[in-house]
Amino acid sequence: MARRKLDVRRNQAVKLPNGRTVRITVIHHPGAVIIAPFLDKNTVVMMRQFRPALNKYIYELPAGTLDPHEPIATCARRELLEETGLLAKKLTKLGSIYPVPGYSTEIIHIFKAEQLTLTQSQPEEYEVIETIPMTKLKVRQLIAQGKLMDAKTICTLTFCQWL
């Protein structure tokens, strides 16, 4: 089973800018990365991954949580290899997002991977993944059909100017 990297703090007191103090539940998260691996300017490698929390497969880009004291680019390269078997000669950080700022400290760092070499993927025991090269048209069709709903993936493709 996946090791837990989250710290849920219930009933945490927080002083607001208006002087009031409220009690909230916050999920403290170590941070994460997401990678858009491009085979060429017209083809990105997507994944169809089974997500146990949803009990179904979803389309998304490779992503993962930072290990303690791990540099974000190292995490991006590790996750790309683990989930897709791809090595990137060129890795560019495009930005960062807060996916759920209402209840989590998580920040996701967005990368674009290019000049790829295929090796052997090394998924974690709980990961069930199929990689699928996709064109911009196919990605847009998946969104229009309601089949691509992963927010971090949609944000990343926007950073890549694909949406």
N, C-alpha and C. Protein backbone atom coordinates (compact mmCIF):
# COMPACT_ATOMS: atom_id res chain seq x y z
N MET A 1 0.84 -1.19 0.00
CA MET A 1 0.00 0.00 0.00
C MET A 1 0.88 1.25 0.00
N ALA A 2 0.35 2.32 -0.52
CA ALA A 2 1.08 3.58 -0.59
C ALA A 2 1.39 4.10 0.80
N ARG A 3 2.57 4.64 0.96
CA ARG A 3 2.89 5.25 2.25
C ARG A 3 2.21 6.61 2.34
N ARG A 4 1.71 6.91 3.49
CA ARG A 4 0.98 8.16 3.69
C ARG A 4 1.95 9.31 3.86
N LYS A 5 1.75 10.36 3.07
CA LYS A 5 2.62 11.53 3.12
C LYS A 5 1.86 12.77 3.56
N LEU A 6 0.64 12.58 4.02
CA LEU A 6 -0.21 13.70 4.40
C LEU A 6 -0.32 13.79 5.91
N ASP A 7 -0.50 15.01 6.40
CA ASP A 7 -0.68 15.26 7.83
C ASP A 7 -1.97 16.06 7.97
N VAL A 8 -3.02 15.40 8.45
CA VAL A 8 -4.31 16.06 8.62
C VAL A 8 -4.37 16.65 10.03
N ARG A 9 -4.57 17.95 10.10
CA ARG A 9 -4.67 18.64 11.40
C ARG A 9 -6.09 19.17 11.56
N ARG A 10 -6.79 18.55 12.47
CA ARG A 10 -8.19 18.92 12.72
C ARG A 10 -8.26 19.99 13.81
N ASN A 11 -9.24 20.85 13.67
CA ASN A 11 -9.54 21.84 14.70
C ASN A 11 -8.35 22.77 14.98
N GLN A 12 -7.61 23.09 13.94
CA GLN A 12 -6.45 23.98 14.06
C GLN A 12 -6.92 25.43 14.14
N ALA A 13 -6.42 26.17 15.15
CA ALA A 13 -6.80 27.58 15.30
C ALA A 13 -5.99 28.44 14.33
N VAL A 14 -6.71 29.30 13.61
CA VAL A 14 -6.08 30.21 12.65
C VAL A 14 -6.64 31.61 12.87
N LYS A 15 -5.75 32.60 13.01
CA LYS A 15 -6.19 33.99 13.16
C LYS A 15 -6.31 34.60 11.77
N LEU A 16 -7.47 35.14 11.46
CA LEU A 16 -7.75 35.75 10.16
C LEU A 16 -7.28 37.20 10.12
N PRO A 17 -7.11 37.78 8.93
CA PRO A 17 -6.70 39.18 8.81
C PRO A 17 -7.66 40.16 9.49
N ASN A 18 -8.93 39.76 9.64
CA ASN A 18 -9.91 40.65 10.29
C ASN A 18 -9.89 40.54 11.81
N GLY A 19 -8.95 39.76 12.36
CA GLY A 19 -8.81 39.63 13.80
C GLY A 19 -9.54 38.45 14.42
N ARG A 20 -10.45 37.86 13.69
CA ARG A 20 -11.17 36.70 14.21
C ARG A 20 -10.28 35.46 14.20
N THR A 21 -10.54 34.58 15.13
CA THR A 21 -9.87 33.28 15.15
C THR A 21 -10.91 32.21 14.83
N VAL A 22 -10.57 31.34 13.89
CA VAL A 22 -11.47 30.24 13.50
C VAL A 22 -10.72 28.93 13.64
N ARG A 23 -11.48 27.86 13.72
CA ARG A 23 -10.89 26.51 13.79
C ARG A 23 -11.17 25.83 12.46
N ILE A 24 -10.12 25.28 11.86
CA ILE A 24 -10.24 24.64 10.55
C ILE A 24 -9.51 23.30 10.55
N THR A 25 -9.81 22.50 9.56
CA THR A 25 -9.07 21.27 9.30
C THR A 25 -8.20 21.53 8.08
N VAL A 26 -6.91 21.25 8.20
CA VAL A 26 -5.96 21.49 7.11
C VAL A 26 -5.18 20.21 6.82
N ILE A 27 -5.04 19.90 5.55
CA ILE A 27 -4.18 18.80 5.13
C ILE A 27 -2.83 19.40 4.76
N HIS A 28 -1.82 19.11 5.56
CA HIS A 28 -0.46 19.57 5.26
C HIS A 28 0.17 18.56 4.31
N HIS A 29 0.62 19.05 3.17
CA HIS A 29 1.10 18.22 2.07
C HIS A 29 2.54 18.62 1.74
N PRO A 30 3.40 17.65 1.45
CA PRO A 30 4.81 17.97 1.17
C PRO A 30 5.07 18.60 -0.20
N GLY A 31 4.05 18.66 -1.04
CA GLY A 31 4.22 19.21 -2.39
C GLY A 31 4.30 18.08 -3.40
N ALA A 32 4.14 18.46 -4.66
CA ALA A 32 4.08 17.45 -5.72
C ALA A 32 4.57 18.05 -7.03
N VAL A 33 4.69 17.18 -8.01
CA VAL A 33 5.07 17.59 -9.36
C VAL A 33 4.09 16.97 -10.35
N ILE A 34 3.99 17.59 -11.51
CA ILE A 34 3.29 17.01 -12.65
C ILE A 34 4.12 17.30 -13.88
N ILE A 35 4.14 16.35 -14.81
CA ILE A 35 5.01 16.46 -15.97
C ILE A 35 4.20 16.25 -17.25
N ALA A 36 4.38 17.15 -18.22
CA ALA A 36 3.80 16.98 -19.55
C ALA A 36 4.92 16.48 -20.46
N PRO A 37 4.95 15.17 -20.74
CA PRO A 37 6.02 14.63 -21.60
C PRO A 37 5.63 14.71 -23.08
N PHE A 38 6.39 15.47 -23.84
CA PHE A 38 6.09 15.66 -25.26
C PHE A 38 7.00 14.81 -26.13
N LEU A 39 6.40 13.94 -26.93
CA LEU A 39 7.16 13.16 -27.92
C LEU A 39 7.62 14.07 -29.04
N ASP A 40 6.75 15.03 -29.39
CA ASP A 40 7.05 16.09 -30.35
C ASP A 40 6.07 17.22 -30.05
N LYS A 41 6.09 18.29 -30.83
CA LYS A 41 5.24 19.44 -30.49
C LYS A 41 3.75 19.15 -30.60
N ASN A 42 3.39 18.05 -31.27
CA ASN A 42 1.99 17.71 -31.47
C ASN A 42 1.50 16.50 -30.68
N THR A 43 2.38 15.89 -29.88
CA THR A 43 2.01 14.65 -29.18
C THR A 43 2.52 14.65 -27.74
N VAL A 44 1.59 14.51 -26.81
CA VAL A 44 1.92 14.41 -25.39
C VAL A 44 1.60 12.99 -24.93
N VAL A 45 2.36 12.49 -23.96
CA VAL A 45 2.10 11.16 -23.41
C VAL A 45 1.19 11.31 -22.20
N MET A 46 -0.02 10.81 -22.33
CA MET A 46 -1.00 10.81 -21.25
C MET A 46 -1.01 9.42 -20.61
N MET A 47 -1.69 9.34 -19.48
CA MET A 47 -1.86 8.05 -18.82
C MET A 47 -3.34 7.81 -18.58
N ARG A 48 -3.71 6.56 -18.63
CA ARG A 48 -5.02 6.11 -18.16
C ARG A 48 -4.69 5.32 -16.91
N GLN A 49 -5.03 5.90 -15.74
CA GLN A 49 -4.61 5.34 -14.46
C GLN A 49 -5.82 5.01 -13.59
N PHE A 50 -5.76 3.84 -12.95
CA PHE A 50 -6.82 3.48 -12.02
C PHE A 50 -6.61 4.21 -10.71
N ARG A 51 -7.65 4.91 -10.27
CA ARG A 51 -7.59 5.66 -9.01
C ARG A 51 -8.53 5.00 -8.01
N PRO A 52 -7.97 4.27 -7.02
CA PRO A 52 -8.80 3.56 -6.06
C PRO A 52 -9.81 4.45 -5.32
N ALA A 53 -9.46 5.69 -5.01
CA ALA A 53 -10.39 6.58 -4.30
C ALA A 53 -11.65 6.84 -5.12
N LEU A 54 -11.51 6.82 -6.44
CA LEU A 54 -12.65 7.02 -7.34
C LEU A 54 -13.24 5.70 -7.82
N ASN A 55 -12.48 4.62 -7.65
CA ASN A 55 -12.82 3.28 -8.12
C ASN A 55 -13.04 3.25 -9.63
N LYS A 56 -12.17 3.99 -10.34
CA LYS A 56 -12.25 3.98 -11.80
C LYS A 56 -10.95 4.50 -12.41
N TYR A 57 -10.81 4.31 -13.71
CA TYR A 57 -9.68 4.84 -14.46
C TYR A 57 -9.96 6.30 -14.83
N ILE A 58 -8.91 7.11 -14.79
CA ILE A 58 -9.03 8.48 -15.29
C ILE A 58 -7.83 8.80 -16.18
N TYR A 59 -7.98 9.80 -17.03
CA TYR A 59 -6.88 10.28 -17.86
C TYR A 59 -6.14 11.37 -17.10
N GLU A 60 -4.83 11.29 -17.12
CA GLU A 60 -4.02 12.31 -16.46
C GLU A 60 -2.59 12.26 -16.98
N LEU A 61 -1.81 13.24 -16.58
CA LEU A 61 -0.38 13.28 -16.87
C LEU A 61 0.37 12.66 -15.70
N PRO A 62 1.61 12.21 -15.91
CA PRO A 62 2.40 11.67 -14.79
C PRO A 62 2.61 12.73 -13.71
N ALA A 63 2.50 12.28 -12.47
CA ALA A 63 2.62 13.20 -11.33
C ALA A 63 2.96 12.41 -10.09
N GLY A 64 3.42 13.11 -9.07
CA GLY A 64 3.69 12.42 -7.82
C GLY A 64 4.14 13.36 -6.72
N THR A 65 4.18 12.82 -5.52
CA THR A 65 4.49 13.58 -4.32
C THR A 65 5.99 13.61 -4.04
N LEU A 66 6.45 14.75 -3.58
CA LEU A 66 7.86 14.92 -3.21
C LEU A 66 8.21 14.06 -2.00
N ASP A 67 9.38 13.45 -2.04
CA ASP A 67 9.94 12.79 -0.86
C ASP A 67 10.59 13.87 0.00
N PRO A 68 10.79 13.61 1.29
CA PRO A 68 11.43 14.62 2.16
C PRO A 68 12.78 15.09 1.61
N HIS A 69 12.96 16.39 1.54
CA HIS A 69 14.19 17.05 1.09
C HIS A 69 14.56 16.76 -0.37
N GLU A 70 13.62 16.25 -1.16
CA GLU A 70 13.89 15.92 -2.55
C GLU A 70 13.74 17.18 -3.42
N PRO A 71 14.73 17.49 -4.25
CA PRO A 71 14.57 18.61 -5.18
C PRO A 71 13.42 18.34 -6.15
N ILE A 72 12.70 19.38 -6.52
CA ILE A 72 11.51 19.17 -7.35
C ILE A 72 11.85 18.59 -8.73
N ALA A 73 12.95 19.00 -9.34
CA ALA A 73 13.32 18.44 -10.65
C ALA A 73 13.67 16.96 -10.52
N THR A 74 14.29 16.57 -9.42
CA THR A 74 14.61 15.16 -9.19
C THR A 74 13.32 14.36 -9.07
N CYS A 75 12.35 14.90 -8.35
CA CYS A 75 11.04 14.25 -8.21
C CYS A 75 10.36 14.12 -9.57
N ALA A 76 10.42 15.16 -10.38
CA ALA A 76 9.80 15.13 -11.71
C ALA A 76 10.42 14.03 -12.57
N ARG A 77 11.73 13.94 -12.57
CA ARG A 77 12.41 12.89 -13.35
C ARG A 77 12.05 11.49 -12.83
N ARG A 78 12.00 11.35 -11.49
CA ARG A 78 11.67 10.06 -10.88
C ARG A 78 10.25 9.63 -11.24
N GLU A 79 9.30 10.53 -11.10
CA GLU A 79 7.91 10.19 -11.40
C GLU A 79 7.70 9.89 -12.88
N LEU A 80 8.36 10.65 -13.74
CA LEU A 80 8.25 10.41 -15.17
C LEU A 80 8.73 9.00 -15.51
N LEU A 81 9.87 8.61 -14.96
CA LEU A 81 10.42 7.28 -15.20
C LEU A 81 9.52 6.20 -14.60
N GLU A 82 9.15 6.37 -13.34
CA GLU A 82 8.32 5.35 -12.66
C GLU A 82 7.02 5.08 -13.41
N GLU A 83 6.33 6.15 -13.80
CA GLU A 83 4.98 5.99 -14.33
C GLU A 83 4.92 5.75 -15.83
N THR A 84 5.93 6.21 -16.58
CA THR A 84 5.87 6.08 -18.04
C THR A 84 7.06 5.35 -18.65
N GLY A 85 8.15 5.21 -17.91
CA GLY A 85 9.36 4.62 -18.48
C GLY A 85 10.12 5.60 -19.34
N LEU A 86 9.81 6.88 -19.25
CA LEU A 86 10.47 7.89 -20.09
C LEU A 86 11.55 8.63 -19.31
N LEU A 87 12.65 8.90 -20.01
CA LEU A 87 13.73 9.75 -19.51
C LEU A 87 13.71 11.01 -20.36
N ALA A 88 13.86 12.16 -19.73
CA ALA A 88 13.84 13.43 -20.45
C ALA A 88 15.22 14.05 -20.49
N LYS A 89 15.68 14.37 -21.69
CA LYS A 89 16.93 15.10 -21.82
C LYS A 89 16.73 16.56 -21.45
N LYS A 90 15.51 17.08 -21.72
CA LYS A 90 15.19 18.48 -21.43
C LYS A 90 13.96 18.52 -20.52
N LEU A 91 14.11 19.16 -19.34
CA LEU A 91 13.03 19.31 -18.38
C LEU A 91 12.93 20.78 -18.01
N THR A 92 11.76 21.37 -18.25
CA THR A 92 11.56 22.80 -18.02
C THR A 92 10.43 23.02 -17.03
N LYS A 93 10.70 23.80 -15.97
CA LYS A 93 9.64 24.15 -15.03
C LYS A 93 8.82 25.29 -15.62
N LEU A 94 7.49 25.10 -15.66
CA LEU A 94 6.60 26.09 -16.25
C LEU A 94 5.88 26.95 -15.22
N GLY A 95 5.75 26.47 -13.99
CA GLY A 95 5.03 27.21 -12.97
C GLY A 95 4.59 26.30 -11.85
N SER A 96 3.70 26.81 -11.01
CA SER A 96 3.19 26.06 -9.87
C SER A 96 1.73 26.44 -9.63
N ILE A 97 0.98 25.52 -9.01
CA ILE A 97 -0.43 25.78 -8.70
C ILE A 97 -0.75 25.27 -7.30
N TYR A 98 -1.78 25.86 -6.69
CA TYR A 98 -2.39 25.34 -5.47
C TYR A 98 -3.67 24.63 -5.91
N PRO A 99 -3.71 23.31 -5.90
CA PRO A 99 -4.89 22.62 -6.43
C PRO A 99 -6.14 22.73 -5.56
N VAL A 100 -5.97 22.76 -4.23
CA VAL A 100 -7.13 22.82 -3.34
C VAL A 100 -6.82 23.70 -2.13
N PRO A 101 -6.69 25.03 -2.33
CA PRO A 101 -6.27 25.92 -1.25
C PRO A 101 -7.29 26.09 -0.13
N GLY A 102 -8.49 25.60 -0.30
CA GLY A 102 -9.49 25.71 0.74
C GLY A 102 -9.22 24.82 1.93
N TYR A 103 -8.46 23.73 1.72
CA TYR A 103 -8.22 22.81 2.84
C TYR A 103 -6.86 22.14 2.81
N SER A 104 -5.97 22.53 1.89
CA SER A 104 -4.67 21.86 1.80
C SER A 104 -3.55 22.86 1.49
N THR A 105 -2.36 22.56 2.01
CA THR A 105 -1.17 23.37 1.72
C THR A 105 -0.46 22.90 0.46
N GLU A 106 -0.99 21.90 -0.22
CA GLU A 106 -0.31 21.32 -1.38
C GLU A 106 -0.01 22.36 -2.46
N ILE A 107 1.19 22.29 -2.99
CA ILE A 107 1.59 23.05 -4.16
C ILE A 107 2.11 22.04 -5.17
N ILE A 108 1.68 22.17 -6.42
CA ILE A 108 2.11 21.27 -7.49
C ILE A 108 2.98 22.07 -8.46
N HIS A 109 4.18 21.58 -8.70
CA HIS A 109 5.14 22.20 -9.62
C HIS A 109 4.98 21.55 -10.99
N ILE A 110 4.81 22.39 -12.00
CA ILE A 110 4.50 21.94 -13.35
C ILE A 110 5.75 21.93 -14.23
N PHE A 111 5.98 20.79 -14.90
CA PHE A 111 7.13 20.63 -15.78
C PHE A 111 6.71 20.18 -17.17
N LYS A 112 7.53 20.57 -18.14
CA LYS A 112 7.41 20.08 -19.51
C LYS A 112 8.66 19.25 -19.78
N ALA A 113 8.48 18.03 -20.27
CA ALA A 113 9.60 17.14 -20.57
C ALA A 113 9.68 16.94 -22.09
N GLU A 114 10.91 17.07 -22.60
CA GLU A 114 11.13 16.93 -24.05
C GLU A 114 12.38 16.11 -24.30
N GLN A 115 12.57 15.74 -25.56
CA GLN A 115 13.72 14.93 -25.97
C GLN A 115 13.74 13.65 -25.13
N LEU A 116 12.70 12.86 -25.31
CA LEU A 116 12.44 11.69 -24.48
C LEU A 116 13.07 10.42 -25.03
N THR A 117 13.46 9.55 -24.09
CA THR A 117 13.94 8.21 -24.41
C THR A 117 13.10 7.23 -23.61
N LEU A 118 12.63 6.16 -24.28
CA LEU A 118 11.81 5.16 -23.61
C LEU A 118 12.68 4.07 -23.00
N THR A 119 12.44 3.80 -21.71
CA THR A 119 13.08 2.68 -21.01
C THR A 119 11.95 1.85 -20.39
N GLN A 120 12.18 1.25 -19.26
CA GLN A 120 11.17 0.44 -18.59
C GLN A 120 10.52 1.24 -17.46
N SER A 121 9.19 1.27 -17.44
CA SER A 121 8.50 1.95 -16.34
C SER A 121 8.70 1.16 -15.05
N GLN A 122 8.54 1.86 -13.92
CA GLN A 122 8.75 1.25 -12.60
C GLN A 122 7.62 1.68 -11.66
N PRO A 123 6.38 1.32 -11.99
CA PRO A 123 5.26 1.80 -11.16
C PRO A 123 5.30 1.25 -9.74
N GLU A 124 4.74 2.04 -8.82
CA GLU A 124 4.57 1.58 -7.44
C GLU A 124 3.56 0.43 -7.46
N GLU A 125 3.54 -0.37 -6.40
CA GLU A 125 2.67 -1.55 -6.37
C GLU A 125 1.19 -1.21 -6.49
N TYR A 126 0.80 -0.01 -6.09
CA TYR A 126 -0.61 0.39 -6.13
C TYR A 126 -0.98 1.12 -7.43
N GLU A 127 -0.03 1.28 -8.34
CA GLU A 127 -0.31 2.02 -9.58
C GLU A 127 -0.63 1.06 -10.72
N VAL A 128 -1.78 1.29 -11.34
CA VAL A 128 -2.21 0.54 -12.52
C VAL A 128 -2.33 1.57 -13.64
N ILE A 129 -1.36 1.55 -14.56
CA ILE A 129 -1.21 2.64 -15.54
C ILE A 129 -1.05 2.10 -16.95
N GLU A 130 -1.72 2.76 -17.89
CA GLU A 130 -1.53 2.54 -19.32
C GLU A 130 -1.11 3.88 -19.92
N THR A 131 0.00 3.93 -20.64
CA THR A 131 0.42 5.20 -21.27
C THR A 131 -0.15 5.26 -22.69
N ILE A 132 -0.56 6.48 -23.07
CA ILE A 132 -1.21 6.69 -24.36
C ILE A 132 -0.73 8.00 -24.97
N PRO A 133 0.01 7.95 -26.09
CA PRO A 133 0.36 9.20 -26.79
C PRO A 133 -0.92 9.83 -27.35
N MET A 134 -1.07 11.15 -27.18
CA MET A 134 -2.27 11.84 -27.64
C MET A 134 -1.94 13.14 -28.35
N THR A 135 -2.73 13.43 -29.35
CA THR A 135 -2.62 14.71 -30.05
C THR A 135 -3.44 15.76 -29.30
N LYS A 136 -3.21 17.00 -29.65
CA LYS A 136 -3.98 18.10 -29.06
C LYS A 136 -5.47 17.92 -29.34
N LEU A 137 -5.81 17.50 -30.55
CA LEU A 137 -7.21 17.29 -30.91
C LEU A 137 -7.85 16.22 -30.02
N LYS A 138 -7.15 15.11 -29.79
CA LYS A 138 -7.69 14.04 -28.94
C LYS A 138 -7.88 14.52 -27.50
N VAL A 139 -6.91 15.28 -26.97
CA VAL A 139 -7.02 15.81 -25.62
C VAL A 139 -8.24 16.73 -25.52
N ARG A 140 -8.42 17.60 -26.49
CA ARG A 140 -9.56 18.51 -26.47
C ARG A 140 -10.88 17.75 -26.58
N GLN A 141 -10.90 16.67 -27.35
CA GLN A 141 -12.10 15.84 -27.45
C GLN A 141 -12.43 15.19 -26.10
N LEU A 142 -11.41 14.70 -25.41
CA LEU A 142 -11.63 14.08 -24.10
C LEU A 142 -12.22 15.09 -23.11
N ILE A 143 -11.74 16.33 -23.15
CA ILE A 143 -12.28 17.36 -22.28
C ILE A 143 -13.74 17.66 -22.65
N ALA A 144 -14.00 17.84 -23.94
CA ALA A 144 -15.36 18.15 -24.40
C ALA A 144 -16.34 17.03 -24.06
N GLN A 145 -15.86 15.79 -24.05
CA GLN A 145 -16.71 14.63 -23.73
C GLN A 145 -16.82 14.38 -22.23
N GLY A 146 -16.14 15.19 -21.42
CA GLY A 146 -16.17 15.00 -19.98
C GLY A 146 -15.35 13.80 -19.52
N LYS A 147 -14.41 13.35 -20.35
CA LYS A 147 -13.59 12.18 -20.01
C LYS A 147 -12.23 12.55 -19.44
N LEU A 148 -11.84 13.80 -19.56
CA LEU A 148 -10.60 14.30 -18.94
C LEU A 148 -11.02 15.34 -17.92
N MET A 149 -11.00 14.93 -16.63
CA MET A 149 -11.51 15.77 -15.55
C MET A 149 -10.45 16.09 -14.50
N ASP A 150 -9.24 15.58 -14.68
CA ASP A 150 -8.18 15.80 -13.69
C ASP A 150 -7.70 17.25 -13.76
N ALA A 151 -7.93 17.99 -12.68
CA ALA A 151 -7.65 19.44 -12.67
C ALA A 151 -6.18 19.75 -12.88
N LYS A 152 -5.29 19.00 -12.26
CA LYS A 152 -3.85 19.29 -12.39
C LYS A 152 -3.39 19.07 -13.83
N THR A 153 -3.97 18.08 -14.50
CA THR A 153 -3.63 17.82 -15.90
C THR A 153 -4.14 18.95 -16.79
N ILE A 154 -5.36 19.38 -16.57
CA ILE A 154 -5.94 20.47 -17.36
C ILE A 154 -5.12 21.75 -17.16
N CYS A 155 -4.73 22.04 -15.92
CA CYS A 155 -3.87 23.22 -15.66
C CYS A 155 -2.54 23.10 -16.38
N THR A 156 -1.94 21.93 -16.32
CA THR A 156 -0.63 21.73 -16.95
C THR A 156 -0.72 21.91 -18.46
N LEU A 157 -1.73 21.35 -19.08
CA LEU A 157 -1.90 21.51 -20.52
C LEU A 157 -2.15 22.98 -20.89
N THR A 158 -2.78 23.71 -19.99
CA THR A 158 -2.96 25.16 -20.20
C THR A 158 -1.62 25.88 -20.13
N PHE A 159 -0.79 25.53 -19.14
CA PHE A 159 0.55 26.11 -19.05
C PHE A 159 1.35 25.81 -20.32
N CYS A 160 1.11 24.66 -20.93
CA CYS A 160 1.82 24.28 -22.17
C CYS A 160 1.18 24.91 -23.41
N GLN A 161 0.15 25.72 -23.20
CA GLN A 161 -0.59 26.41 -24.27
C GLN A 161 -1.26 25.41 -25.22
N TRP A 162 -1.73 24.32 -24.65
CA TRP A 162 -2.47 23.33 -25.43
C TRP A 162 -3.97 23.52 -25.31
N LEU A 163 -4.41 24.29 -24.32
CA LEU A 163 -5.85 24.51 -24.13
C LEU A 163 -6.15 26.00 -24.10
